[in-house]
Amino acid sequence: MCEWGIEASQVKLAKPRPDGRTHAPVDPCIADIVQALNDAGLQTLASCCGHGKVNGRISLEDGRDLVLMSFDEAQALSATDERLSDYDVREIINTPGCDKTLREFGLNLLSVRRKYRLAMRSA
């Protein structure tokens, strides 16, 4: 990471912001990554290196957030990633007081899984 407190670098954006700005200030230690994303046409909205306290992140216009972490952190995260079974999803969405958005997401997830299984059986 960078030495925190260094003056921000200016990155050219993929397209001008509504206020007309064509450049944005970015932490210098992640400026190359942010610039590469914008050069590839992926408009960035915000970014922070984490300043040695948390993982950095880059927010994209399409709603995605990219989390910046070391290779070892990513490997450890993958190793502990536990997928929810269909049973777990049903338990969550049938819990009293379950948020409507979460319930819809769970039902969509189950539907996609069912369609995938059917497609795999036909193949």
C-alpha atoms as a PDB file:
ATOM      1  CA  MET A   1       0.000   0.000   0.000  1.00  0.00           C
ATOM      2  CA  CYS A   2       0.963   3.644  -0.165  1.00  0.00           C
ATOM      3  CA  GLU A   3       2.313   5.838   2.561  1.00  0.00           C
ATOM      4  CA  TRP A   4      -0.965   7.333   3.694  1.00  0.00           C
ATOM      5  CA  GLY A   5      -1.288  11.028   3.544  1.00  0.00           C
ATOM      6  CA  ILE A   6       0.430  11.420   0.173  1.00  0.00           C
ATOM      7  CA  GLU A   7      -1.352  13.869  -2.122  1.00  0.00           C
ATOM      8  CA  ALA A   8      -3.952  12.156  -4.319  1.00  0.00           C
ATOM      9  CA  SER A   9      -3.241  11.292  -7.928  1.00  0.00           C
ATOM     10  CA  GLN A  10      -5.608  12.481 -10.664  1.00  0.00           C
ATOM     11  CA  VAL A  11      -7.206   9.763 -12.798  1.00  0.00           C
ATOM     12  CA  LYS A  12      -8.918  10.375 -16.157  1.00  0.00           C
ATOM     13  CA  LEU A  13     -12.461   9.001 -16.012  1.00  0.00           C
ATOM     14  CA  ALA A  14     -14.062   6.775 -18.657  1.00  0.00           C
ATOM     15  CA  LYS A  15     -16.646   9.491 -19.246  1.00  0.00           C
ATOM     16  CA  PRO A  16     -17.307  12.906 -17.736  1.00  0.00           C
ATOM     17  CA  ARG A  17     -19.279  13.036 -14.494  1.00  0.00           C
ATOM     18  CA  PRO A  18     -22.648  14.862 -14.443  1.00  0.00           C
ATOM     19  CA  ASP A  19     -20.874  17.917 -13.003  1.00  0.00           C
ATOM     20  CA  GLY A  20     -18.532  17.926 -16.032  1.00  0.00           C
ATOM     21  CA  ARG A  21     -15.396  16.677 -14.249  1.00  0.00           C
ATOM     22  CA  THR A  22     -13.197  14.467 -16.400  1.00  0.00           C
ATOM     23  CA  HIS A  23     -10.659  13.588 -13.678  1.00  0.00           C
ATOM     24  CA  ALA A  24     -10.967  12.389 -10.091  1.00  0.00           C
ATOM     25  CA  PRO A  25      -8.571  12.289  -7.136  1.00  0.00           C
ATOM     26  CA  VAL A  26      -7.465   8.758  -6.182  1.00  0.00           C
ATOM     27  CA  ASP A  27      -5.124   7.299  -3.549  1.00  0.00           C
ATOM     28  CA  PRO A  28      -1.770   7.045  -5.371  1.00  0.00           C
ATOM     29  CA  CYS A  29      -1.192   3.386  -4.444  1.00  0.00           C
ATOM     30  CA  ILE A  30      -4.293   2.282  -6.404  1.00  0.00           C
ATOM     31  CA  ALA A  31      -4.301   4.982  -9.090  1.00  0.00           C
ATOM     32  CA  ASP A  32      -2.913   2.616 -11.768  1.00  0.00           C
ATOM     33  CA  ILE A  33      -5.707   0.089 -11.145  1.00  0.00           C
ATOM     34  CA  VAL A  34      -8.408   2.780 -11.145  1.00  0.00           C
ATOM     35  CA  GLN A  35      -6.980   4.293 -14.333  1.00  0.00           C
ATOM     36  CA  ALA A  36      -6.870   0.884 -16.060  1.00  0.00           C
ATOM     37  CA  LEU A  37     -10.542   0.278 -15.203  1.00  0.00           C
ATOM     38  CA  ASN A  38     -11.552   3.668 -16.596  1.00  0.00           C
ATOM     39  CA  ASP A  39      -9.379   3.168 -19.693  1.00  0.00           C
ATOM     40  CA  ALA A  40     -11.249  -0.112 -20.261  1.00  0.00           C
ATOM     41  CA  GLY A  41     -14.564   1.784 -20.158  1.00  0.00           C
ATOM     42  CA  LEU A  42     -15.528   0.795 -16.602  1.00  0.00           C
ATOM     43  CA  GLN A  43     -16.541   4.074 -14.985  1.00  0.00           C
ATOM     44  CA  THR A  44     -15.395   4.295 -11.371  1.00  0.00           C
ATOM     45  CA  LEU A  45     -17.442   6.247  -8.843  1.00  0.00           C
ATOM     46  CA  ALA A  46     -15.299   6.024  -5.711  1.00  0.00           C
ATOM     47  CA  SER A  47     -12.185   4.318  -4.421  1.00  0.00           C
ATOM     48  CA  CYS A  48     -10.077   4.011  -1.296  1.00  0.00           C
ATOM     49  CA  CYS A  49      -6.905   2.009  -0.611  1.00  0.00           C
ATOM     50  CA  GLY A  50      -8.053   1.331   2.954  1.00  0.00           C
ATOM     51  CA  HIS A  51      -5.130   3.270   4.422  1.00  0.00           C
ATOM     52  CA  GLY A  52      -3.715   0.168   6.084  1.00  0.00           C
ATOM     53  CA  LYS A  53      -6.812  -0.301   8.254  1.00  0.00           C
ATOM     54  CA  VAL A  54      -9.206  -2.213   5.978  1.00  0.00           C
ATOM     55  CA  ASN A  55      -9.169  -3.727   2.499  1.00  0.00           C
ATOM     56  CA  GLY A  56      -9.349  -1.157  -0.241  1.00  0.00           C
ATOM     57  CA  ARG A  57     -12.244  -0.971  -2.645  1.00  0.00           C
ATOM     58  CA  ILE A  58     -13.232   0.506  -5.973  1.00  0.00           C
ATOM     59  CA  SER A  59     -16.897   1.229  -6.694  1.00  0.00           C
ATOM     60  CA  LEU A  60     -18.049   0.931 -10.296  1.00  0.00           C
ATOM     61  CA  GLU A  61     -20.924   2.765 -11.937  1.00  0.00           C
ATOM     62  CA  ASP A  62     -22.695  -0.524 -12.704  1.00  0.00           C
ATOM     63  CA  GLY A  63     -23.144  -1.204  -8.971  1.00  0.00           C
ATOM     64  CA  ARG A  64     -20.229  -3.592  -8.427  1.00  0.00           C
ATOM     65  CA  ASP A  65     -17.578  -3.043  -5.762  1.00  0.00           C
ATOM     66  CA  LEU A  66     -14.111  -4.475  -6.264  1.00  0.00           C
ATOM     67  CA  VAL A  67     -12.411  -5.404  -2.999  1.00  0.00           C
ATOM     68  CA  LEU A  68      -8.638  -5.065  -2.995  1.00  0.00           C
ATOM     69  CA  MET A  69      -6.748  -7.717  -1.064  1.00  0.00           C
ATOM     70  CA  SER A  70      -3.532  -9.654  -1.233  1.00  0.00           C
ATOM     71  CA  PHE A  71      -3.315 -12.997  -3.008  1.00  0.00           C
ATOM     72  CA  ASP A  72      -2.995 -14.768   0.357  1.00  0.00           C
ATOM     73  CA  GLU A  73      -6.132 -13.029   1.683  1.00  0.00           C
ATOM     74  CA  ALA A  74      -8.062 -14.045  -1.441  1.00  0.00           C
ATOM     75  CA  GLN A  75      -6.895 -17.663  -1.132  1.00  0.00           C
ATOM     76  CA  ALA A  76      -7.918 -17.768   2.529  1.00  0.00           C
ATOM     77  CA  LEU A  77     -11.327 -16.310   1.672  1.00  0.00           C
ATOM     78  CA  SER A  78     -11.875 -18.900  -1.059  1.00  0.00           C
ATOM     79  CA  ALA A  79     -10.898 -21.712   1.284  1.00  0.00           C
ATOM     80  CA  THR A  80     -13.480 -20.664   3.882  1.00  0.00           C
ATOM     81  CA  ASP A  81     -16.247 -19.868   1.387  1.00  0.00           C
ATOM     82  CA  GLU A  82     -19.215 -22.014   2.295  1.00  0.00           C
ATOM     83  CA  ARG A  83     -22.080 -22.148  -0.180  1.00  0.00           C
ATOM     84  CA  LEU A  84     -25.644 -22.191   1.065  1.00  0.00           C
ATOM     85  CA  SER A  85     -27.542 -25.350   0.272  1.00  0.00           C
ATOM     86  CA  ASP A  86     -31.104 -25.177  -1.091  1.00  0.00           C
ATOM     87  CA  TYR A  87     -32.259 -26.225   2.391  1.00  0.00           C
ATOM     88  CA  ASP A  88     -30.345 -23.299   3.985  1.00  0.00           C
ATOM     89  CA  VAL A  89     -31.849 -20.840   1.491  1.00  0.00           C
ATOM     90  CA  ARG A  90     -35.376 -22.113   2.215  1.00  0.00           C
ATOM     91  CA  GLU A  91     -34.764 -21.824   5.968  1.00  0.00           C
ATOM     92  CA  ILE A  92     -33.619 -18.204   5.582  1.00  0.00           C
ATOM     93  CA  ILE A  93     -36.465 -17.039   3.317  1.00  0.00           C
ATOM     94  CA  ASN A  94     -39.107 -18.774   5.452  1.00  0.00           C
ATOM     95  CA  THR A  95     -37.936 -17.112   8.657  1.00  0.00           C
ATOM     96  CA  PRO A  96     -40.612 -14.769  10.056  1.00  0.00           C
ATOM     97  CA  GLY A  97     -39.698 -11.171   9.308  1.00  0.00           C
ATOM     98  CA  CYS A  98     -37.456 -12.054   6.354  1.00  0.00           C
ATOM     99  CA  ASP A  99     -36.834  -8.971   4.232  1.00  0.00           C
ATOM    100  CA  LYS A 100     -38.899  -8.933   0.982  1.00  0.00           C
ATOM    101  CA  THR A 101     -35.824  -8.323  -1.187  1.00  0.00           C
ATOM    102  CA  LEU A 102     -33.937 -11.187   0.444  1.00  0.00           C
ATOM    103  CA  ARG A 103     -36.954 -13.473   0.014  1.00  0.00           C
ATOM    104  CA  GLU A 104     -37.185 -12.596  -3.714  1.00  0.00           C
ATOM    105  CA  PHE A 105     -33.449 -13.146  -4.120  1.00  0.00           C
ATOM    106  CA  GLY A 106     -33.698 -16.545  -2.425  1.00  0.00           C
ATOM    107  CA  LEU A 107     -36.619 -17.615  -4.606  1.00  0.00           C
ATOM    108  CA  ASN A 108     -34.755 -16.485  -7.741  1.00  0.00           C
ATOM    109  CA  LEU A 109     -31.669 -18.389  -6.612  1.00  0.00           C
ATOM    110  CA  LEU A 110     -33.665 -21.581  -6.094  1.00  0.00           C
ATOM    111  CA  SER A 111     -35.320 -21.152  -9.495  1.00  0.00           C
ATOM    112  CA  VAL A 112     -31.987 -20.688 -11.279  1.00  0.00           C
ATOM    113  CA  ARG A 113     -30.518 -23.717  -9.500  1.00  0.00           C
ATOM    114  CA  ARG A 114     -33.537 -25.836 -10.520  1.00  0.00           C
ATOM    115  CA  LYS A 115     -33.249 -24.743 -14.168  1.00  0.00           C
ATOM    116  CA  TYR A 116     -29.513 -25.463 -14.132  1.00  0.00           C
ATOM    117  CA  ARG A 117     -30.057 -28.974 -12.752  1.00  0.00           C
ATOM    118  CA  LEU A 118     -32.707 -29.679 -15.401  1.00  0.00           C
ATOM    119  CA  ALA A 119     -30.408 -28.431 -18.167  1.00  0.00           C
ATOM    120  CA  MET A 120     -27.550 -30.601 -16.889  1.00  0.00           C
ATOM    121  CA  ARG A 121     -29.798 -33.700 -16.880  1.00  0.00           C
ATOM    122  CA  SER A 122     -30.845 -33.025 -20.507  1.00  0.00           C
ATOM    123  CA  ALA A 123     -27.268 -32.540 -21.701  1.00  0.00           C
END
